[in-house]
Amino acid sequence: MHEANNKLANRGAHIGTLDGQFQELQSTIGECDVMLDFSGDQLHDLQLGLDDAQAQLHQHDHALHAPPDEMQVEGEEEP
C-alpha cells in the first residue's frame, strides 16, 4: 500500500512538471504568434513601399523615353 502511494505521489509530481512545461510551451507559442503578426504587418508595409517605389520608377522611366511635348521644345516656333 505504501508503495502504491509513492507511485501515485511520483505520478502526481510528474504530471505537475508536465503541466508546467505545457504552460511554458503555450506561452512561447503565444509570443511567437505575436511576433509573426508583427512581422506580417511589417512585411505588408514594406510591400506597399516597394509598390510605390516601383510605380515612381516606372513613371520616371516612362518620362525618359517619352517624346518631348511641343511646349517643351526650345528654339522652335510654330509658323
N, C-alpha and C. Protein backbone atom coordinates (compact mmCIF):
# COMPACT_ATOMS: atom_id res chain seq x y z
N MET A 1 0.82 -1.19 0.00
CA MET A 1 0.00 0.00 0.00
C MET A 1 0.87 1.26 0.00
N HIS A 2 1.93 1.20 0.80
CA HIS A 2 2.85 2.33 0.87
C HIS A 2 3.52 2.56 -0.48
N GLU A 3 3.86 1.49 -1.15
CA GLU A 3 4.49 1.58 -2.47
C GLU A 3 3.53 2.18 -3.49
N ALA A 4 2.27 1.82 -3.44
CA ALA A 4 1.26 2.37 -4.35
C ALA A 4 1.09 3.87 -4.11
N ASN A 5 1.13 4.28 -2.84
CA ASN A 5 1.02 5.71 -2.53
C ASN A 5 2.21 6.48 -3.07
N ASN A 6 3.39 5.90 -2.98
CA ASN A 6 4.59 6.54 -3.51
C ASN A 6 4.51 6.68 -5.04
N LYS A 7 4.01 5.63 -5.69
CA LYS A 7 3.86 5.69 -7.15
C LYS A 7 2.88 6.78 -7.54
N LEU A 8 1.78 6.87 -6.80
CA LEU A 8 0.78 7.91 -7.10
C LEU A 8 1.36 9.30 -6.86
N ALA A 9 2.13 9.45 -5.79
CA ALA A 9 2.75 10.74 -5.50
C ALA A 9 3.76 11.10 -6.59
N ASN A 10 4.54 10.12 -7.03
CA ASN A 10 5.50 10.37 -8.10
C ASN A 10 4.80 10.74 -9.41
N ARG A 11 3.72 10.04 -9.70
CA ARG A 11 2.95 10.35 -10.91
C ARG A 11 2.34 11.74 -10.80
N GLY A 12 1.86 12.09 -9.63
CA GLY A 12 1.29 13.43 -9.43
C GLY A 12 2.35 14.50 -9.64
N ALA A 13 3.55 14.27 -9.12
CA ALA A 13 4.64 15.23 -9.29
C ALA A 13 5.02 15.33 -10.77
N HIS A 14 5.07 14.18 -11.44
CA HIS A 14 5.41 14.17 -12.86
C HIS A 14 4.35 14.92 -13.67
N ILE A 15 3.10 14.71 -13.33
CA ILE A 15 2.00 15.41 -14.02
C ILE A 15 2.13 16.91 -13.79
N GLY A 16 2.49 17.31 -12.57
CA GLY A 16 2.68 18.73 -12.27
C GLY A 16 3.82 19.32 -13.10
N THR A 17 4.90 18.58 -13.25
CA THR A 17 6.03 19.03 -14.07
C THR A 17 5.62 19.17 -15.52
N LEU A 18 4.92 18.15 -16.03
CA LEU A 18 4.47 18.20 -17.42
C LEU A 18 3.50 19.35 -17.65
N ASP A 19 2.64 19.61 -16.69
CA ASP A 19 1.69 20.71 -16.80
C ASP A 19 2.43 22.05 -16.87
N GLY A 20 3.46 22.20 -16.04
CA GLY A 20 4.27 23.42 -16.07
C GLY A 20 4.96 23.59 -17.42
N GLN A 21 5.49 22.51 -17.95
CA GLN A 21 6.15 22.57 -19.26
C GLN A 21 5.14 22.93 -20.36
N PHE A 22 3.95 22.37 -20.23
CA PHE A 22 2.90 22.66 -21.20
C PHE A 22 2.53 24.15 -21.15
N GLN A 23 2.41 24.70 -19.97
CA GLN A 23 2.09 26.12 -19.83
C GLN A 23 3.19 27.00 -20.44
N GLU A 24 4.45 26.62 -20.23
CA GLU A 24 5.57 27.36 -20.81
C GLU A 24 5.52 27.31 -22.33
N LEU A 25 5.22 26.13 -22.87
CA LEU A 25 5.13 26.00 -24.33
C LEU A 25 3.99 26.84 -24.89
N GLN A 26 2.86 26.87 -24.20
CA GLN A 26 1.74 27.69 -24.66
C GLN A 26 2.13 29.16 -24.64
N SER A 27 2.85 29.58 -23.62
CA SER A 27 3.30 30.96 -23.53
C SER A 27 4.26 31.28 -24.68
N THR A 28 5.18 30.38 -24.96
CA THR A 28 6.13 30.57 -26.05
C THR A 28 5.42 30.65 -27.39
N ILE A 29 4.43 29.80 -27.59
CA ILE A 29 3.66 29.81 -28.84
C ILE A 29 2.91 31.13 -28.98
N GLY A 30 2.36 31.62 -27.87
CA GLY A 30 1.66 32.90 -27.90
C GLY A 30 2.60 34.03 -28.28
N GLU A 31 3.82 34.03 -27.73
CA GLU A 31 4.81 35.05 -28.08
C GLU A 31 5.19 34.95 -29.55
N CYS A 32 5.35 33.74 -30.04
CA CYS A 32 5.68 33.54 -31.46
C CYS A 32 4.56 34.05 -32.36
N ASP A 33 3.31 33.81 -31.96
CA ASP A 33 2.18 34.30 -32.75
C ASP A 33 2.19 35.83 -32.82
N VAL A 34 2.49 36.48 -31.69
CA VAL A 34 2.55 37.94 -31.67
C VAL A 34 3.67 38.43 -32.59
N MET A 35 4.82 37.78 -32.54
CA MET A 35 5.95 38.18 -33.40
C MET A 35 5.61 37.95 -34.87
N LEU A 36 4.93 36.86 -35.17
CA LEU A 36 4.54 36.60 -36.56
C LEU A 36 3.56 37.65 -37.06
N ASP A 37 2.60 38.03 -36.23
CA ASP A 37 1.65 39.08 -36.62
C ASP A 37 2.38 40.40 -36.88
N PHE A 38 3.30 40.75 -35.98
CA PHE A 38 4.07 41.98 -36.14
C PHE A 38 4.91 41.93 -37.41
N SER A 39 5.56 40.81 -37.65
CA SER A 39 6.39 40.65 -38.85
C SER A 39 5.52 40.72 -40.11
N GLY A 40 4.33 40.14 -40.05
CA GLY A 40 3.42 40.20 -41.19
C GLY A 40 3.00 41.63 -41.49
N ASP A 41 2.75 42.42 -40.43
CA ASP A 41 2.40 43.82 -40.62
C ASP A 41 3.57 44.59 -41.23
N GLN A 42 4.78 44.33 -40.75
CA GLN A 42 5.96 44.98 -41.31
C GLN A 42 6.15 44.60 -42.77
N LEU A 43 5.97 43.34 -43.09
CA LEU A 43 6.11 42.89 -44.47
C LEU A 43 5.09 43.59 -45.37
N HIS A 44 3.87 43.72 -44.88
CA HIS A 44 2.82 44.39 -45.65
C HIS A 44 3.22 45.85 -45.92
N ASP A 45 3.71 46.54 -44.87
CA ASP A 45 4.13 47.93 -45.04
C ASP A 45 5.29 48.04 -46.03
N LEU A 46 6.24 47.12 -45.93
CA LEU A 46 7.37 47.14 -46.86
C LEU A 46 6.91 46.87 -48.29
N GLN A 47 5.95 45.99 -48.46
CA GLN A 47 5.43 45.69 -49.80
C GLN A 47 4.74 46.91 -50.39
N LEU A 48 3.99 47.65 -49.56
CA LEU A 48 3.35 48.87 -50.05
C LEU A 48 4.42 49.89 -50.46
N GLY A 49 5.46 50.03 -49.66
CA GLY A 49 6.55 50.95 -50.01
C GLY A 49 7.25 50.53 -51.30
N LEU A 50 7.46 49.24 -51.46
CA LEU A 50 8.08 48.74 -52.69
C LEU A 50 7.20 49.01 -53.90
N ASP A 51 5.90 48.78 -53.75
CA ASP A 51 4.98 49.06 -54.85
C ASP A 51 5.02 50.53 -55.24
N ASP A 52 5.05 51.43 -54.25
CA ASP A 52 5.14 52.87 -54.53
C ASP A 52 6.44 53.21 -55.25
N ALA A 53 7.54 52.64 -54.77
CA ALA A 53 8.84 52.91 -55.39
C ALA A 53 8.87 52.41 -56.83
N GLN A 54 8.31 51.23 -57.09
CA GLN A 54 8.27 50.71 -58.44
C GLN A 54 7.40 51.58 -59.35
N ALA A 55 6.30 52.09 -58.82
CA ALA A 55 5.44 52.97 -59.61
C ALA A 55 6.18 54.26 -59.96
N GLN A 56 6.94 54.81 -59.01
CA GLN A 56 7.71 56.02 -59.30
C GLN A 56 8.80 55.75 -60.33
N LEU A 57 9.47 54.62 -60.20
CA LEU A 57 10.49 54.26 -61.19
C LEU A 57 9.88 54.11 -62.58
N HIS A 58 8.71 53.50 -62.63
CA HIS A 58 8.03 53.34 -63.91
C HIS A 58 7.68 54.69 -64.50
N GLN A 59 7.22 55.63 -63.66
CA GLN A 59 6.89 56.96 -64.16
C GLN A 59 8.14 57.68 -64.68
N HIS A 60 9.24 57.58 -63.93
CA HIS A 60 10.48 58.22 -64.37
C HIS A 60 11.00 57.58 -65.66
N ASP A 61 10.93 56.28 -65.75
CA ASP A 61 11.37 55.58 -66.95
C ASP A 61 10.52 55.99 -68.14
N HIS A 62 9.22 56.07 -67.93
CA HIS A 62 8.31 56.47 -69.00
C HIS A 62 8.61 57.91 -69.44
N ALA A 63 8.89 58.79 -68.47
CA ALA A 63 9.19 60.18 -68.79
C ALA A 63 10.50 60.29 -69.58
N LEU A 64 11.46 59.45 -69.29
CA LEU A 64 12.74 59.49 -70.01
C LEU A 64 12.59 59.04 -71.46
N HIS A 65 11.67 58.14 -71.72
CA HIS A 65 11.53 57.57 -73.06
C HIS A 65 10.38 58.18 -73.86
N ALA A 66 9.64 59.08 -73.26
CA ALA A 66 8.50 59.69 -73.96
C ALA A 66 9.01 60.80 -74.87
N PRO A 67 8.37 60.98 -76.02
CA PRO A 67 8.77 62.09 -76.90
C PRO A 67 8.46 63.42 -76.21
N PRO A 68 9.28 64.43 -76.47
CA PRO A 68 9.03 65.73 -75.82
C PRO A 68 7.75 66.36 -76.33
N ASP A 69 7.09 67.09 -75.46
CA ASP A 69 5.90 67.84 -75.87
C ASP A 69 6.33 69.02 -76.72
N GLU A 70 5.42 69.53 -77.52
CA GLU A 70 5.73 70.68 -78.35
C GLU A 70 6.09 71.88 -77.49
N MET A 71 5.48 71.99 -76.32
CA MET A 71 5.73 73.13 -75.45
C MET A 71 7.11 73.02 -74.81
N GLN A 72 7.67 71.88 -74.75
CA GLN A 72 8.96 71.69 -74.10
C GLN A 72 10.14 71.90 -75.05
N VAL A 73 9.89 71.92 -76.33
CA VAL A 73 10.96 72.07 -77.32
C VAL A 73 11.34 73.54 -77.37
N GLU A 74 12.59 73.85 -77.07
CA GLU A 74 13.06 75.24 -77.08
C GLU A 74 13.60 75.60 -78.45
N GLY A 75 13.47 76.84 -78.78
CA GLY A 75 14.07 77.34 -80.02
C GLY A 75 13.20 77.11 -81.24
N GLU A 76 12.08 76.47 -81.12
CA GLU A 76 11.20 76.25 -82.28
C GLU A 76 9.92 77.02 -82.05
N GLU A 77 9.52 77.66 -83.10
CA GLU A 77 8.25 78.40 -83.04
C GLU A 77 7.35 77.85 -84.13
N GLU A 78 6.08 77.88 -83.84
CA GLU A 78 5.13 77.41 -84.85
C GLU A 78 4.96 78.51 -85.90
N PRO A 79 4.84 78.15 -87.16
CA PRO A 79 4.67 79.16 -88.22
C PRO A 79 3.30 79.79 -88.18
